[in-house]
C-alpha cells in the first residue's frame, strides 16, 4: 500500500527526445526500492529480528503490538 501511494521512483521528461523515462533518483520521502526492517514491536513471532530472544519467550504488551481486527 505504501509503494502504491508513494512510489519509490518518478517519471522525468528526457530533454532531448521529450519521452518520459524513469528517474535515477528516488522520490523524496518514499521508502525506496530496498526493503526496510520492521520495528521489533511489529515483528511477528519467529522473525529473524527476534533471534536474540530465548526460544520459548512470550512477548508481553511492552514488547509486542496487540492489534484488534474490526
C-alpha atoms as a PDB file:
ATOM      1  CA  UNK A   1       0.000   0.000   0.000  1.00  0.00           C
ATOM      2  CA  UNK A   2       2.783   2.436   0.842  1.00  0.00           C
ATOM      3  CA  UNK A   3       4.502   1.964  -2.514  1.00  0.00           C
ATOM      4  CA  UNK A   4       1.181   2.350  -4.325  1.00  0.00           C
ATOM      5  CA  UNK A   5       0.504   5.676  -2.609  1.00  0.00           C
ATOM      6  CA  UNK A   6       4.077   6.975  -2.710  1.00  0.00           C
ATOM      7  CA  UNK A   7       6.141   5.102  -5.349  1.00  0.00           C
ATOM      8  CA  UNK A   8       9.929   4.923  -4.924  1.00  0.00           C
ATOM      9  CA  UNK A   9      10.640   6.382  -8.377  1.00  0.00           C
ATOM     10  CA  UNK A  10       9.078   9.027 -10.566  1.00  0.00           C
ATOM     11  CA  UNK A  11       8.955   9.864 -14.257  1.00  0.00           C
ATOM     12  CA  UNK A  12      11.000  12.662 -15.795  1.00  0.00           C
ATOM     13  CA  UNK A  13      10.866  14.015 -19.325  1.00  0.00           C
ATOM     14  CA  UNK A  14      14.004  13.452 -21.408  1.00  0.00           C
ATOM     15  CA  UNK A  15      15.196  16.855 -22.628  1.00  0.00           C
ATOM     16  CA  UNK A  16      16.454  15.542 -25.984  1.00  0.00           C
ATOM     17  CA  UNK A  17      13.591  13.279 -27.075  1.00  0.00           C
ATOM     18  CA  UNK A  18      10.707  14.563 -24.939  1.00  0.00           C
ATOM     19  CA  UNK A  19       9.876  10.995 -23.870  1.00  0.00           C
ATOM     20  CA  UNK A  20       9.049  10.167 -20.255  1.00  0.00           C
ATOM     21  CA  UNK A  21      11.538   7.860 -18.540  1.00  0.00           C
ATOM     22  CA  UNK A  22      12.176   6.587 -15.017  1.00  0.00           C
ATOM     23  CA  UNK A  23      14.296   8.873 -12.856  1.00  0.00           C
ATOM     24  CA  UNK A  24      17.625   7.647 -11.472  1.00  0.00           C
ATOM     25  CA  UNK A  25      16.931   9.224  -8.071  1.00  0.00           C
ATOM     26  CA  UNK A  26      14.338   8.036  -5.586  1.00  0.00           C
ATOM     27  CA  UNK A  27      11.273  10.093  -4.846  1.00  0.00           C
ATOM     28  CA  UNK A  28      11.888  12.284  -1.765  1.00  0.00           C
ATOM     29  CA  UNK A  29      10.103  10.818   1.253  1.00  0.00           C
ATOM     30  CA  UNK A  30       9.465   7.395  -0.302  1.00  0.00           C
ATOM     31  CA  UNK A  31      10.629   4.127   1.208  1.00  0.00           C
ATOM     32  CA  UNK A  32      12.881   3.353  -1.752  1.00  0.00           C
ATOM     33  CA  UNK A  33      13.375   0.084  -3.598  1.00  0.00           C
ATOM     34  CA  UNK A  34      15.111  -1.828  -0.801  1.00  0.00           C
ATOM     35  CA  UNK A  35      13.047  -3.437   1.969  1.00  0.00           C
ATOM     36  CA  UNK A  36      13.091  -1.775   5.382  1.00  0.00           C
ATOM     37  CA  UNK A  37      13.459  -3.763   8.601  1.00  0.00           C
ATOM     38  CA  UNK A  38      10.412  -3.606  10.815  1.00  0.00           C
ATOM     39  CA  UNK A  39      10.478  -2.312  14.367  1.00  0.00           C
ATOM     40  CA  UNK A  40      10.909  -5.082  16.989  1.00  0.00           C
ATOM     41  CA  UNK A  41       7.415  -4.489  18.374  1.00  0.00           C
ATOM     42  CA  UNK A  42       5.904  -5.008  14.872  1.00  0.00           C
ATOM     43  CA  UNK A  43       7.832  -8.209  14.083  1.00  0.00           C
ATOM     44  CA  UNK A  44       5.735 -11.393  14.136  1.00  0.00           C
ATOM     45  CA  UNK A  45       6.885 -14.315  16.269  1.00  0.00           C
ATOM     46  CA  UNK A  46       9.681 -16.223  14.549  1.00  0.00           C
ATOM     47  CA  UNK A  47      11.030 -13.191  12.656  1.00  0.00           C
ATOM     48  CA  UNK A  48      14.857 -13.155  12.304  1.00  0.00           C
ATOM     49  CA  UNK A  49      14.915  -9.785  14.067  1.00  0.00           C
ATOM     50  CA  UNK A  50      13.840 -11.588  17.258  1.00  0.00           C
ATOM     51  CA  UNK A  51      16.556 -14.263  17.073  1.00  0.00           C
ATOM     52  CA  UNK A  52      18.226 -12.936  20.249  1.00  0.00           C
ATOM     53  CA  UNK A  53      15.201 -13.736  22.427  1.00  0.00           C
ATOM     54  CA  UNK A  54      15.088 -17.035  24.348  1.00  0.00           C
ATOM     55  CA  UNK A  55      13.396 -19.903  22.476  1.00  0.00           C
ATOM     56  CA  UNK A  56      10.109 -20.028  24.409  1.00  0.00           C
ATOM     57  CA  UNK A  57       9.949 -16.345  25.362  1.00  0.00           C
ATOM     58  CA  UNK A  58       6.407 -14.930  25.312  1.00  0.00           C
ATOM     59  CA  UNK A  59       6.428 -11.236  24.490  1.00  0.00           C
ATOM     60  CA  UNK A  60       4.191  -9.073  26.639  1.00  0.00           C
ATOM     61  CA  UNK A  61       2.431  -5.757  25.927  1.00  0.00           C
ATOM     62  CA  UNK A  62       5.685  -3.810  26.307  1.00  0.00           C
ATOM     63  CA  UNK A  63       7.373  -5.884  23.575  1.00  0.00           C
ATOM     64  CA  UNK A  64       4.603  -6.521  21.038  1.00  0.00           C
ATOM     65  CA  UNK A  65       1.769  -4.630  19.391  1.00  0.00           C
ATOM     66  CA  UNK A  66      -1.578  -6.216  20.128  1.00  0.00           C
ATOM     67  CA  UNK A  67      -3.956  -5.277  17.328  1.00  0.00           C
ATOM     68  CA  UNK A  68      -7.651  -5.978  17.045  1.00  0.00           C
ATOM     69  CA  UNK A  69      -9.380  -6.589  13.739  1.00  0.00           C
ATOM     70  CA  UNK A  70     -12.520  -4.554  13.267  1.00  0.00           C
END
